[in-house]
């Protein structure tokens, strides 16, 4: 190759193919094509509908968590006259003597578990014959959350003395309600700190 040809190549600079292989950029820093035009790549656009849906779900979830966390059940309201209780659940409860328990908010102490069950129910001595149902409490439970009343549920708690289990009394507690009771309501009506079995 003669001197003139080499000088002409230097003046002309790299060809189109050389420019593509080197990935040269234009004066503004953008990648350019073989004709020196900026190269643009397709980008994924935002989806306003999906974003709004996601925000809405987060808000609903936050409200649900707050509502559950602030739920309060008041079982101290008086019963509704003439209420019927089509729903029932039954539990077996073992109560040791001398221990005060609250059944639907009513204090009860087992004095003696023998042929008959001697208890103090709301400071009044009573005796339960085996197999005979006794109504321990009756009332209305109000469920509230975030300042709103969610439901009113009438309830009645009946106890049947099943017999002695050692020194303790084995009772069958039946919770009757005007509508299906939530697990929270059932827990509020059952005694705490004693053995409880379903059925």
N, C-alpha and C. Protein backbone atom coordinates (compact mmCIF):
# COMPACT_ATOMS: atom_id res chain seq x y z
N UNK A 1 0.88 -1.19 0.00
CA UNK A 1 0.00 0.00 0.00
C UNK A 1 0.91 1.23 0.00
N UNK A 2 0.64 2.19 -0.87
CA UNK A 2 1.54 3.34 -0.99
C UNK A 2 1.22 4.38 0.06
N UNK A 3 2.06 5.38 0.15
CA UNK A 3 1.94 6.42 1.17
C UNK A 3 0.65 7.20 1.05
N UNK A 4 0.20 7.48 -0.17
CA UNK A 4 -1.01 8.28 -0.40
C UNK A 4 -2.24 7.54 0.12
N UNK A 5 -2.31 6.22 -0.13
CA UNK A 5 -3.48 5.44 0.30
C UNK A 5 -3.59 5.43 1.82
N UNK A 6 -2.44 5.25 2.52
CA UNK A 6 -2.49 5.23 3.98
C UNK A 6 -2.94 6.57 4.55
N UNK A 7 -2.48 7.65 3.96
CA UNK A 7 -2.89 8.98 4.44
C UNK A 7 -4.38 9.21 4.24
N UNK A 8 -4.91 8.74 3.09
CA UNK A 8 -6.35 8.90 2.83
C UNK A 8 -7.17 8.13 3.87
N UNK A 9 -6.73 6.90 4.27
CA UNK A 9 -7.48 6.12 5.26
C UNK A 9 -7.49 6.81 6.62
N UNK A 10 -6.34 7.39 6.99
CA UNK A 10 -6.30 8.09 8.28
C UNK A 10 -7.24 9.28 8.30
N UNK A 11 -7.31 10.04 7.15
CA UNK A 11 -8.19 11.19 7.08
C UNK A 11 -9.66 10.78 7.11
N UNK A 12 -9.98 9.66 6.46
CA UNK A 12 -11.39 9.22 6.40
C UNK A 12 -11.85 8.68 7.74
N UNK A 13 -10.91 8.20 8.59
CA UNK A 13 -11.29 7.64 9.90
C UNK A 13 -11.85 6.25 9.74
N UNK A 14 -12.33 5.62 10.82
CA UNK A 14 -12.86 4.25 10.75
C UNK A 14 -14.13 4.18 9.93
N UNK A 15 -14.33 3.07 9.26
CA UNK A 15 -15.51 2.88 8.42
C UNK A 15 -16.72 2.53 9.26
N UNK A 16 -17.83 2.29 8.58
CA UNK A 16 -19.09 1.98 9.26
C UNK A 16 -18.96 0.69 10.07
N UNK A 17 -18.29 -0.29 9.47
CA UNK A 17 -18.17 -1.56 10.17
C UNK A 17 -17.34 -1.42 11.43
N UNK A 18 -16.27 -0.63 11.33
CA UNK A 18 -15.42 -0.43 12.49
C UNK A 18 -16.19 0.27 13.62
N UNK A 19 -17.03 1.23 13.23
CA UNK A 19 -17.80 1.99 14.23
C UNK A 19 -18.78 1.08 14.97
N UNK A 20 -19.42 0.12 14.24
CA UNK A 20 -20.37 -0.79 14.86
C UNK A 20 -19.66 -1.75 15.80
N UNK A 21 -18.46 -2.24 15.37
CA UNK A 21 -17.74 -3.19 16.20
C UNK A 21 -17.24 -2.52 17.48
N UNK A 22 -16.82 -1.25 17.39
CA UNK A 22 -16.28 -0.57 18.56
C UNK A 22 -17.38 -0.05 19.50
N UNK A 23 -18.63 0.00 19.01
CA UNK A 23 -19.73 0.49 19.84
C UNK A 23 -19.54 1.93 20.22
N UNK A 24 -19.17 2.76 19.27
CA UNK A 24 -18.90 4.15 19.57
C UNK A 24 -20.16 4.87 20.00
N UNK A 25 -19.96 5.93 20.78
CA UNK A 25 -21.07 6.73 21.26
C UNK A 25 -21.01 8.12 20.66
N UNK A 26 -22.18 8.72 20.56
CA UNK A 26 -22.26 10.06 19.98
C UNK A 26 -21.78 11.10 20.96
N UNK A 27 -21.83 12.36 20.55
CA UNK A 27 -21.33 13.44 21.39
C UNK A 27 -22.07 13.58 22.72
N UNK A 28 -23.35 13.16 22.79
CA UNK A 28 -24.12 13.30 24.03
C UNK A 28 -23.98 12.07 24.92
N UNK A 29 -23.17 11.10 24.52
CA UNK A 29 -22.98 9.91 25.32
C UNK A 29 -23.92 8.78 24.97
N UNK A 30 -24.83 8.97 23.97
CA UNK A 30 -25.75 7.92 23.56
C UNK A 30 -25.08 7.00 22.57
N UNK A 31 -25.45 5.73 22.60
CA UNK A 31 -24.93 4.80 21.60
C UNK A 31 -25.55 5.15 20.25
N UNK A 32 -24.75 5.13 19.23
CA UNK A 32 -25.22 5.52 17.89
C UNK A 32 -25.17 4.33 16.95
N UNK A 33 -26.01 4.41 15.91
CA UNK A 33 -25.97 3.36 14.90
C UNK A 33 -24.93 3.70 13.85
N UNK A 34 -24.95 2.94 12.73
CA UNK A 34 -23.93 3.12 11.69
C UNK A 34 -24.02 4.46 11.00
N UNK A 35 -25.18 5.12 11.09
CA UNK A 35 -25.35 6.42 10.46
C UNK A 35 -25.18 7.58 11.45
N UNK A 36 -24.76 7.24 12.70
CA UNK A 36 -24.53 8.28 13.69
C UNK A 36 -25.76 8.72 14.44
N UNK A 37 -26.90 8.01 14.27
CA UNK A 37 -28.14 8.36 14.96
C UNK A 37 -28.19 7.66 16.31
N UNK A 38 -28.74 8.30 17.37
CA UNK A 38 -28.83 7.66 18.69
C UNK A 38 -29.67 6.39 18.64
N UNK A 39 -29.22 5.36 19.34
CA UNK A 39 -29.95 4.10 19.41
C UNK A 39 -30.87 4.13 20.62
N UNK A 40 -32.16 3.82 20.43
CA UNK A 40 -33.13 3.78 21.53
C UNK A 40 -33.61 2.35 21.74
N UNK A 41 -33.72 1.96 23.01
CA UNK A 41 -34.19 0.62 23.34
C UNK A 41 -35.56 0.73 23.97
N UNK A 42 -36.39 -0.28 23.69
CA UNK A 42 -37.74 -0.29 24.26
C UNK A 42 -37.66 -0.56 25.77
N UNK A 43 -38.43 0.17 26.54
CA UNK A 43 -38.49 -0.02 27.99
C UNK A 43 -39.90 -0.41 28.40
N UNK A 44 -40.00 -1.12 29.51
CA UNK A 44 -41.30 -1.55 30.00
C UNK A 44 -41.97 -0.39 30.71
N UNK A 45 -43.13 0.00 30.27
CA UNK A 45 -43.84 1.12 30.88
C UNK A 45 -44.52 0.71 32.16
N UNK A 46 -44.92 1.67 33.00
CA UNK A 46 -45.63 1.39 34.25
C UNK A 46 -47.08 1.05 33.94
N UNK A 47 -47.73 0.33 34.87
CA UNK A 47 -49.12 -0.05 34.70
C UNK A 47 -49.93 0.59 35.82
N UNK A 48 -50.55 1.73 35.58
CA UNK A 48 -51.29 2.44 36.64
C UNK A 48 -52.36 1.58 37.30
N UNK A 49 -53.03 0.73 36.50
CA UNK A 49 -54.10 -0.10 37.07
C UNK A 49 -53.55 -1.10 38.08
N UNK A 50 -52.42 -1.72 37.74
CA UNK A 50 -51.81 -2.68 38.66
C UNK A 50 -51.30 -1.99 39.92
N UNK A 51 -50.73 -0.80 39.75
CA UNK A 51 -50.24 -0.05 40.90
C UNK A 51 -51.39 0.32 41.84
N UNK A 52 -52.50 0.78 41.27
CA UNK A 52 -53.66 1.13 42.08
C UNK A 52 -54.22 -0.09 42.80
N UNK A 53 -54.22 -1.25 42.10
CA UNK A 53 -54.71 -2.48 42.73
C UNK A 53 -53.83 -2.88 43.90
N UNK A 54 -52.52 -2.79 43.71
CA UNK A 54 -51.59 -3.15 44.78
C UNK A 54 -51.77 -2.24 45.99
N UNK A 55 -51.90 -0.94 45.75
CA UNK A 55 -52.11 0.01 46.85
C UNK A 55 -53.42 -0.28 47.57
N UNK A 56 -54.47 -0.59 46.78
CA UNK A 56 -55.75 -0.92 47.38
C UNK A 56 -55.70 -2.15 48.26
N UNK A 57 -54.97 -3.18 47.79
CA UNK A 57 -54.83 -4.41 48.59
C UNK A 57 -54.09 -4.14 49.88
N UNK A 58 -53.05 -3.32 49.82
CA UNK A 58 -52.29 -2.98 51.02
C UNK A 58 -53.18 -2.25 52.03
N UNK A 59 -54.01 -1.33 51.54
CA UNK A 59 -54.90 -0.57 52.43
C UNK A 59 -55.92 -1.51 53.08
N UNK A 60 -56.52 -2.40 52.26
CA UNK A 60 -57.52 -3.34 52.80
C UNK A 60 -56.88 -4.24 53.85
N UNK A 61 -55.67 -4.72 53.56
CA UNK A 61 -54.97 -5.59 54.51
C UNK A 61 -54.67 -4.86 55.82
N UNK A 62 -54.25 -3.60 55.70
CA UNK A 62 -53.95 -2.82 56.90
C UNK A 62 -55.21 -2.60 57.74
N UNK A 63 -56.33 -2.33 57.09
CA UNK A 63 -57.59 -2.14 57.81
C UNK A 63 -58.02 -3.44 58.49
N UNK A 64 -57.86 -4.57 57.78
CA UNK A 64 -58.25 -5.86 58.35
C UNK A 64 -57.41 -6.19 59.59
N UNK A 65 -56.11 -5.93 59.51
CA UNK A 65 -55.24 -6.20 60.65
C UNK A 65 -55.61 -5.31 61.83
N UNK A 66 -55.86 -4.03 61.54
CA UNK A 66 -56.24 -3.10 62.60
C UNK A 66 -57.58 -3.49 63.22
N UNK A 67 -58.53 -3.92 62.38
CA UNK A 67 -59.84 -4.31 62.89
C UNK A 67 -59.74 -5.53 63.79
N UNK A 68 -58.94 -6.51 63.37
CA UNK A 68 -58.78 -7.72 64.19
C UNK A 68 -58.07 -7.41 65.50
N UNK A 69 -57.08 -6.55 65.43
CA UNK A 69 -56.31 -6.23 66.62
C UNK A 69 -57.09 -5.41 67.64
N UNK A 70 -58.09 -4.66 67.18
CA UNK A 70 -58.86 -3.81 68.10
C UNK A 70 -60.23 -4.40 68.42
N UNK A 71 -60.44 -5.67 68.07
CA UNK A 71 -61.75 -6.29 68.31
C UNK A 71 -61.98 -6.49 69.81
N UNK A 72 -63.15 -6.08 70.28
CA UNK A 72 -63.52 -6.19 71.69
C UNK A 72 -64.88 -6.90 71.77
N UNK A 73 -64.98 -7.85 72.72
CA UNK A 73 -66.24 -8.55 72.93
C UNK A 73 -66.73 -8.26 74.34
N UNK A 74 -67.90 -7.64 74.43
CA UNK A 74 -68.53 -7.32 75.71
C UNK A 74 -69.64 -8.34 75.93
N UNK A 75 -69.47 -9.20 76.95
CA UNK A 75 -70.46 -10.23 77.21
C UNK A 75 -71.41 -9.84 78.34
N UNK A 76 -71.34 -8.58 78.77
CA UNK A 76 -72.11 -8.16 79.93
C UNK A 76 -73.46 -7.53 79.62
N UNK A 77 -73.93 -7.59 78.38
CA UNK A 77 -75.23 -6.99 78.05
C UNK A 77 -76.36 -7.94 78.43
N UNK A 78 -77.52 -7.41 78.80
CA UNK A 78 -78.64 -8.27 79.23
C UNK A 78 -79.18 -9.10 78.07
N UNK A 79 -79.80 -10.23 78.39
CA UNK A 79 -80.36 -11.07 77.32
C UNK A 79 -81.56 -10.41 76.65
N UNK A 80 -81.78 -10.80 75.40
CA UNK A 80 -82.95 -10.30 74.67
C UNK A 80 -84.16 -11.17 75.04
N UNK A 81 -85.25 -10.55 75.50
CA UNK A 81 -86.43 -11.35 75.89
C UNK A 81 -86.94 -12.20 74.72
N UNK A 82 -87.23 -13.44 74.99
CA UNK A 82 -87.79 -14.33 73.97
C UNK A 82 -86.77 -14.86 72.97
N UNK A 83 -85.47 -14.66 73.23
CA UNK A 83 -84.44 -15.13 72.29
C UNK A 83 -84.39 -16.65 72.26
N UNK A 84 -84.14 -17.19 71.09
CA UNK A 84 -83.95 -18.63 70.94
C UNK A 84 -82.49 -18.90 70.58
N UNK A 85 -82.01 -20.09 70.90
CA UNK A 85 -80.59 -20.40 70.73
C UNK A 85 -80.42 -21.67 69.89
N UNK A 86 -80.47 -21.53 68.58
CA UNK A 86 -80.39 -22.72 67.71
C UNK A 86 -78.99 -23.31 67.56
N UNK A 87 -77.97 -22.57 67.94
CA UNK A 87 -76.59 -23.06 67.78
C UNK A 87 -76.01 -23.43 69.14
N UNK A 88 -75.27 -24.53 69.17
CA UNK A 88 -74.69 -24.97 70.43
C UNK A 88 -73.36 -25.67 70.21
N UNK A 89 -72.48 -25.51 71.19
CA UNK A 89 -71.21 -26.23 71.25
C UNK A 89 -71.02 -26.69 72.68
N UNK A 90 -70.43 -27.88 72.84
CA UNK A 90 -70.30 -28.48 74.16
C UNK A 90 -68.84 -28.78 74.48
N UNK A 91 -68.46 -28.53 75.73
CA UNK A 91 -67.09 -28.76 76.19
C UNK A 91 -67.13 -29.46 77.54
N UNK A 92 -66.13 -30.29 77.77
CA UNK A 92 -65.96 -30.92 79.08
C UNK A 92 -64.91 -30.13 79.84
N UNK A 93 -65.25 -29.71 81.06
CA UNK A 93 -64.38 -28.84 81.86
C UNK A 93 -64.13 -29.49 83.22
N UNK A 94 -62.86 -29.57 83.61
CA UNK A 94 -62.49 -30.12 84.91
C UNK A 94 -62.05 -28.96 85.81
N UNK A 95 -62.81 -28.76 86.91
CA UNK A 95 -62.56 -27.62 87.80
C UNK A 95 -62.13 -28.14 89.17
N UNK A 96 -60.94 -27.77 89.61
CA UNK A 96 -60.47 -28.23 90.94
C UNK A 96 -61.22 -27.48 92.05
N UNK A 97 -61.28 -28.08 93.24
CA UNK A 97 -61.99 -27.44 94.36
C UNK A 97 -61.24 -26.21 94.86
N UNK A 98 -62.00 -25.22 95.29
CA UNK A 98 -61.42 -24.02 95.88
C UNK A 98 -60.92 -22.99 94.88
N UNK A 99 -60.91 -23.30 93.61
CA UNK A 99 -60.43 -22.36 92.59
C UNK A 99 -61.60 -21.62 91.97
N UNK A 100 -61.59 -20.30 92.07
CA UNK A 100 -62.66 -19.53 91.45
C UNK A 100 -62.44 -19.43 89.95
N UNK A 101 -63.47 -19.74 89.19
CA UNK A 101 -63.43 -19.59 87.74
C UNK A 101 -64.57 -18.69 87.31
N UNK A 102 -64.40 -18.06 86.18
CA UNK A 102 -65.45 -17.22 85.60
C UNK A 102 -66.02 -17.93 84.39
N UNK A 103 -67.31 -18.21 84.45
CA UNK A 103 -68.01 -18.82 83.32
C UNK A 103 -68.95 -17.76 82.76
N UNK A 104 -68.64 -17.27 81.59
CA UNK A 104 -69.39 -16.15 80.99
C UNK A 104 -69.44 -14.96 81.95
N UNK A 105 -68.35 -14.74 82.66
CA UNK A 105 -68.26 -13.62 83.59
C UNK A 105 -68.85 -13.88 84.95
N UNK A 106 -69.44 -15.06 85.16
CA UNK A 106 -70.07 -15.39 86.44
C UNK A 106 -69.07 -16.17 87.29
N UNK A 107 -68.75 -15.71 88.52
CA UNK A 107 -67.79 -16.43 89.36
C UNK A 107 -68.41 -17.69 89.98
N UNK A 108 -67.63 -18.78 89.91
CA UNK A 108 -68.09 -20.02 90.50
C UNK A 108 -66.91 -20.71 91.18
N UNK A 109 -67.16 -21.27 92.37
CA UNK A 109 -66.14 -22.00 93.13
C UNK A 109 -66.70 -23.37 93.47
N UNK A 110 -65.92 -24.42 93.15
CA UNK A 110 -66.30 -25.78 93.53
C UNK A 110 -65.94 -25.99 94.99
N UNK A 111 -66.95 -26.34 95.81
CA UNK A 111 -66.72 -26.58 97.23
C UNK A 111 -66.45 -28.06 97.47
N UNK A 112 -67.26 -28.92 96.86
CA UNK A 112 -67.09 -30.35 97.07
C UNK A 112 -67.68 -31.09 95.87
N UNK A 113 -66.88 -32.03 95.33
CA UNK A 113 -67.35 -32.85 94.22
C UNK A 113 -67.54 -34.27 94.73
N UNK A 114 -68.78 -34.63 94.99
CA UNK A 114 -69.08 -35.96 95.50
C UNK A 114 -70.29 -36.52 94.79
N UNK A 115 -71.22 -37.10 95.58
CA UNK A 115 -72.46 -37.59 94.99
C UNK A 115 -73.20 -36.46 94.29
N UNK A 116 -73.19 -35.31 94.94
CA UNK A 116 -73.70 -34.09 94.31
C UNK A 116 -72.56 -33.07 94.29
N UNK A 117 -72.68 -32.11 93.41
CA UNK A 117 -71.66 -31.06 93.31
C UNK A 117 -72.11 -29.85 94.11
N UNK A 118 -71.30 -29.47 95.08
CA UNK A 118 -71.59 -28.27 95.87
C UNK A 118 -70.71 -27.14 95.36
N UNK A 119 -71.34 -26.05 94.97
CA UNK A 119 -70.62 -24.90 94.43
C UNK A 119 -71.14 -23.63 95.08
N UNK A 120 -70.35 -22.57 94.93
CA UNK A 120 -70.80 -21.22 95.26
C UNK A 120 -70.85 -20.48 93.94
N UNK A 121 -72.06 -20.11 93.54
CA UNK A 121 -72.28 -19.47 92.25
C UNK A 121 -72.75 -18.04 92.51
N UNK A 122 -71.93 -17.09 92.15
CA UNK A 122 -72.23 -15.68 92.42
C UNK A 122 -72.55 -15.48 93.91
N UNK A 123 -71.69 -16.02 94.77
CA UNK A 123 -71.79 -15.91 96.24
C UNK A 123 -73.00 -16.62 96.82
N UNK A 124 -73.65 -17.46 96.01
CA UNK A 124 -74.82 -18.20 96.50
C UNK A 124 -74.52 -19.69 96.45
N UNK A 125 -74.61 -20.41 97.61
CA UNK A 125 -74.37 -21.87 97.60
C UNK A 125 -75.45 -22.59 96.80
N UNK A 126 -74.99 -23.54 95.97
CA UNK A 126 -75.92 -24.34 95.18
C UNK A 126 -75.41 -25.76 95.10
N UNK A 127 -76.32 -26.67 94.77
CA UNK A 127 -75.95 -28.07 94.58
C UNK A 127 -76.43 -28.54 93.21
N UNK A 128 -75.53 -29.26 92.50
CA UNK A 128 -75.87 -29.79 91.18
C UNK A 128 -75.97 -31.31 91.30
N UNK A 129 -77.14 -31.84 90.99
CA UNK A 129 -77.28 -33.30 90.92
C UNK A 129 -76.71 -33.78 89.59
N UNK A 130 -76.09 -34.95 89.57
CA UNK A 130 -75.50 -35.44 88.32
C UNK A 130 -76.55 -35.56 87.22
N UNK A 131 -76.18 -35.10 86.03
CA UNK A 131 -77.04 -35.23 84.85
C UNK A 131 -78.09 -34.16 84.69
N UNK A 132 -78.24 -33.29 85.69
CA UNK A 132 -79.27 -32.25 85.59
C UNK A 132 -78.65 -30.94 85.08
N UNK A 133 -79.22 -30.35 84.03
CA UNK A 133 -78.67 -29.09 83.50
C UNK A 133 -78.99 -27.90 84.40
N UNK A 134 -78.03 -27.02 84.55
CA UNK A 134 -78.21 -25.78 85.30
C UNK A 134 -77.72 -24.63 84.43
N UNK A 135 -78.53 -23.60 84.31
CA UNK A 135 -78.13 -22.43 83.54
C UNK A 135 -77.21 -21.56 84.40
N UNK A 136 -75.99 -21.40 83.94
CA UNK A 136 -75.01 -20.60 84.67
C UNK A 136 -75.13 -19.12 84.31
N UNK A 137 -75.31 -18.84 83.03
CA UNK A 137 -75.35 -17.43 82.60
C UNK A 137 -76.19 -17.31 81.33
N UNK A 138 -76.75 -16.13 81.18
CA UNK A 138 -77.51 -15.80 79.97
C UNK A 138 -77.32 -14.32 79.71
N UNK A 139 -77.11 -13.94 78.47
CA UNK A 139 -76.89 -12.53 78.15
C UNK A 139 -76.71 -12.30 76.66
N UNK A 140 -76.17 -11.13 76.34
CA UNK A 140 -75.91 -10.76 74.95
C UNK A 140 -74.47 -10.29 74.84
N UNK A 141 -73.78 -10.77 73.82
CA UNK A 141 -72.40 -10.36 73.56
C UNK A 141 -72.38 -9.39 72.39
N UNK A 142 -71.71 -8.28 72.61
CA UNK A 142 -71.56 -7.26 71.55
C UNK A 142 -70.11 -7.25 71.09
N UNK A 143 -69.91 -7.41 69.80
CA UNK A 143 -68.57 -7.40 69.23
C UNK A 143 -68.33 -6.06 68.54
N UNK A 144 -67.24 -5.37 68.93
CA UNK A 144 -66.92 -4.07 68.37
C UNK A 144 -65.50 -4.06 67.83
N UNK A 145 -65.28 -3.23 66.82
CA UNK A 145 -63.94 -3.06 66.27
C UNK A 145 -63.85 -1.69 65.62
N UNK A 146 -62.76 -0.98 65.90
CA UNK A 146 -62.53 0.36 65.35
C UNK A 146 -63.70 1.30 65.65
N UNK A 147 -64.35 1.09 66.78
CA UNK A 147 -65.46 1.95 67.17
C UNK A 147 -66.80 1.56 66.57
N UNK A 148 -66.85 0.51 65.75
CA UNK A 148 -68.09 0.09 65.11
C UNK A 148 -68.60 -1.20 65.75
N UNK A 149 -69.92 -1.32 65.89
CA UNK A 149 -70.53 -2.54 66.39
C UNK A 149 -70.66 -3.52 65.23
N UNK A 150 -70.04 -4.68 65.38
CA UNK A 150 -70.07 -5.68 64.30
C UNK A 150 -71.23 -6.65 64.45
N UNK A 151 -71.55 -7.02 65.69
CA UNK A 151 -72.63 -8.00 65.86
C UNK A 151 -73.13 -8.00 67.30
N UNK A 152 -74.36 -8.50 67.44
CA UNK A 152 -74.95 -8.80 68.74
C UNK A 152 -75.32 -10.28 68.73
N UNK A 153 -74.82 -11.01 69.71
CA UNK A 153 -75.10 -12.45 69.77
C UNK A 153 -75.63 -12.80 71.15
N UNK A 154 -76.84 -13.31 71.19
CA UNK A 154 -77.39 -13.78 72.46
C UNK A 154 -76.79 -15.13 72.82
N UNK A 155 -76.58 -15.35 74.11
CA UNK A 155 -75.97 -16.61 74.54
C UNK A 155 -76.59 -17.10 75.84
N UNK A 156 -76.44 -18.41 76.06
CA UNK A 156 -76.82 -19.05 77.32
C UNK A 156 -75.80 -20.16 77.57
N UNK A 157 -75.32 -20.27 78.80
CA UNK A 157 -74.34 -21.30 79.16
C UNK A 157 -74.98 -22.23 80.18
N UNK A 158 -75.10 -23.51 79.82
CA UNK A 158 -75.66 -24.51 80.71
C UNK A 158 -74.56 -25.45 81.18
N UNK A 159 -74.64 -25.89 82.44
CA UNK A 159 -73.66 -26.82 83.00
C UNK A 159 -74.37 -28.08 83.49
N UNK A 160 -73.73 -29.23 83.23
CA UNK A 160 -74.23 -30.51 83.71
C UNK A 160 -73.09 -31.18 84.47
N UNK A 161 -73.35 -31.58 85.73
CA UNK A 161 -72.34 -32.26 86.54
C UNK A 161 -72.24 -33.71 86.09
N UNK A 162 -71.03 -34.10 85.63
CA UNK A 162 -70.82 -35.46 85.14
C UNK A 162 -70.28 -36.39 86.22
N UNK A 163 -69.73 -35.82 87.28
CA UNK A 163 -69.19 -36.63 88.35
C UNK A 163 -67.83 -36.12 88.80
N UNK A 164 -67.31 -36.77 89.81
CA UNK A 164 -66.02 -36.36 90.37
C UNK A 164 -64.88 -36.97 89.58
N UNK A 165 -63.81 -36.22 89.46
CA UNK A 165 -62.57 -36.70 88.88
C UNK A 165 -61.48 -36.40 89.90
N UNK A 166 -61.28 -37.36 90.80
CA UNK A 166 -60.45 -37.09 91.96
C UNK A 166 -61.20 -36.15 92.88
N UNK A 167 -60.54 -35.06 93.26
CA UNK A 167 -61.22 -34.02 94.05
C UNK A 167 -61.90 -32.98 93.17
N UNK A 168 -61.66 -33.05 91.89
CA UNK A 168 -62.18 -32.04 90.96
C UNK A 168 -63.55 -32.43 90.44
N UNK A 169 -64.23 -31.43 89.88
CA UNK A 169 -65.56 -31.64 89.32
C UNK A 169 -65.47 -31.67 87.80
N UNK A 170 -66.05 -32.70 87.21
CA UNK A 170 -66.11 -32.82 85.75
C UNK A 170 -67.46 -32.30 85.30
N UNK A 171 -67.43 -31.20 84.56
CA UNK A 171 -68.67 -30.56 84.10
C UNK A 171 -68.74 -30.57 82.59
N UNK A 172 -69.96 -30.69 82.08
CA UNK A 172 -70.21 -30.49 80.66
C UNK A 172 -70.84 -29.12 80.50
N UNK A 173 -70.13 -28.24 79.78
CA UNK A 173 -70.64 -26.89 79.54
C UNK A 173 -71.14 -26.79 78.10
N UNK A 174 -72.38 -26.38 77.94
CA UNK A 174 -72.96 -26.18 76.62
C UNK A 174 -73.19 -24.70 76.39
N UNK A 175 -72.59 -24.18 75.33
CA UNK A 175 -72.76 -22.76 74.97
C UNK A 175 -73.79 -22.70 73.85
N UNK A 176 -74.93 -22.08 74.16
CA UNK A 176 -76.01 -21.91 73.18
C UNK A 176 -76.01 -20.45 72.72
N UNK A 177 -76.16 -20.23 71.42
CA UNK A 177 -76.12 -18.87 70.88
C UNK A 177 -77.22 -18.66 69.84
N UNK A 178 -77.55 -17.39 69.65
CA UNK A 178 -78.59 -17.05 68.68
C UNK A 178 -78.08 -17.12 67.25
N UNK A 179 -76.77 -17.06 67.06
CA UNK A 179 -76.16 -17.22 65.75
C UNK A 179 -74.81 -17.90 65.95
N UNK A 180 -74.16 -18.27 64.85
CA UNK A 180 -72.89 -18.97 64.97
C UNK A 180 -71.90 -18.12 65.76
N UNK A 181 -71.31 -18.74 66.77
CA UNK A 181 -70.40 -18.01 67.65
C UNK A 181 -68.98 -18.07 67.09
N UNK A 182 -68.29 -16.94 67.17
CA UNK A 182 -66.89 -16.90 66.76
C UNK A 182 -66.04 -17.58 67.83
N UNK A 183 -64.84 -17.97 67.45
CA UNK A 183 -63.94 -18.60 68.41
C UNK A 183 -63.60 -17.64 69.55
N UNK A 184 -63.55 -16.34 69.24
CA UNK A 184 -63.27 -15.35 70.29
C UNK A 184 -64.40 -15.29 71.31
N UNK A 185 -65.63 -15.36 70.85
CA UNK A 185 -66.77 -15.33 71.76
C UNK A 185 -66.78 -16.57 72.63
N UNK A 186 -66.56 -17.74 72.03
CA UNK A 186 -66.53 -18.98 72.81
C UNK A 186 -65.45 -18.91 73.88
N UNK A 187 -64.28 -18.39 73.50
CA UNK A 187 -63.18 -18.27 74.46
C UNK A 187 -63.56 -17.33 75.60
N UNK A 188 -64.30 -16.25 75.30
CA UNK A 188 -64.71 -15.30 76.33
C UNK A 188 -65.72 -15.92 77.30
N UNK A 189 -66.50 -16.89 76.84
CA UNK A 189 -67.53 -17.50 77.68
C UNK A 189 -67.00 -18.66 78.51
N UNK A 190 -65.96 -19.35 78.02
CA UNK A 190 -65.42 -20.50 78.74
C UNK A 190 -64.50 -20.04 79.88
N UNK A 191 -64.39 -20.85 80.93
CA UNK A 191 -63.47 -20.49 82.03
C UNK A 191 -62.02 -20.63 81.58
N UNK A 192 -61.15 -19.87 82.21
CA UNK A 192 -59.72 -19.93 81.89
C UNK A 192 -58.97 -20.57 83.07
N UNK A 193 -57.80 -21.12 82.79
CA UNK A 193 -56.98 -21.68 83.84
C UNK A 193 -57.38 -23.06 84.30
N UNK A 194 -58.28 -23.72 83.55
CA UNK A 194 -58.70 -25.08 83.90
C UNK A 194 -58.63 -25.94 82.65
N UNK A 195 -58.75 -27.26 82.85
CA UNK A 195 -58.71 -28.18 81.71
C UNK A 195 -60.05 -28.15 80.97
N UNK A 196 -59.95 -27.98 79.64
CA UNK A 196 -61.15 -27.93 78.79
C UNK A 196 -60.92 -28.87 77.61
N UNK A 197 -61.94 -29.71 77.34
CA UNK A 197 -61.87 -30.65 76.21
C UNK A 197 -63.12 -30.48 75.36
N UNK A 198 -63.00 -30.57 74.04
CA UNK A 198 -64.20 -30.50 73.21
C UNK A 198 -65.12 -31.68 73.44
N UNK A 199 -66.41 -31.43 73.27
CA UNK A 199 -67.40 -32.52 73.41
C UNK A 199 -67.86 -32.67 74.81
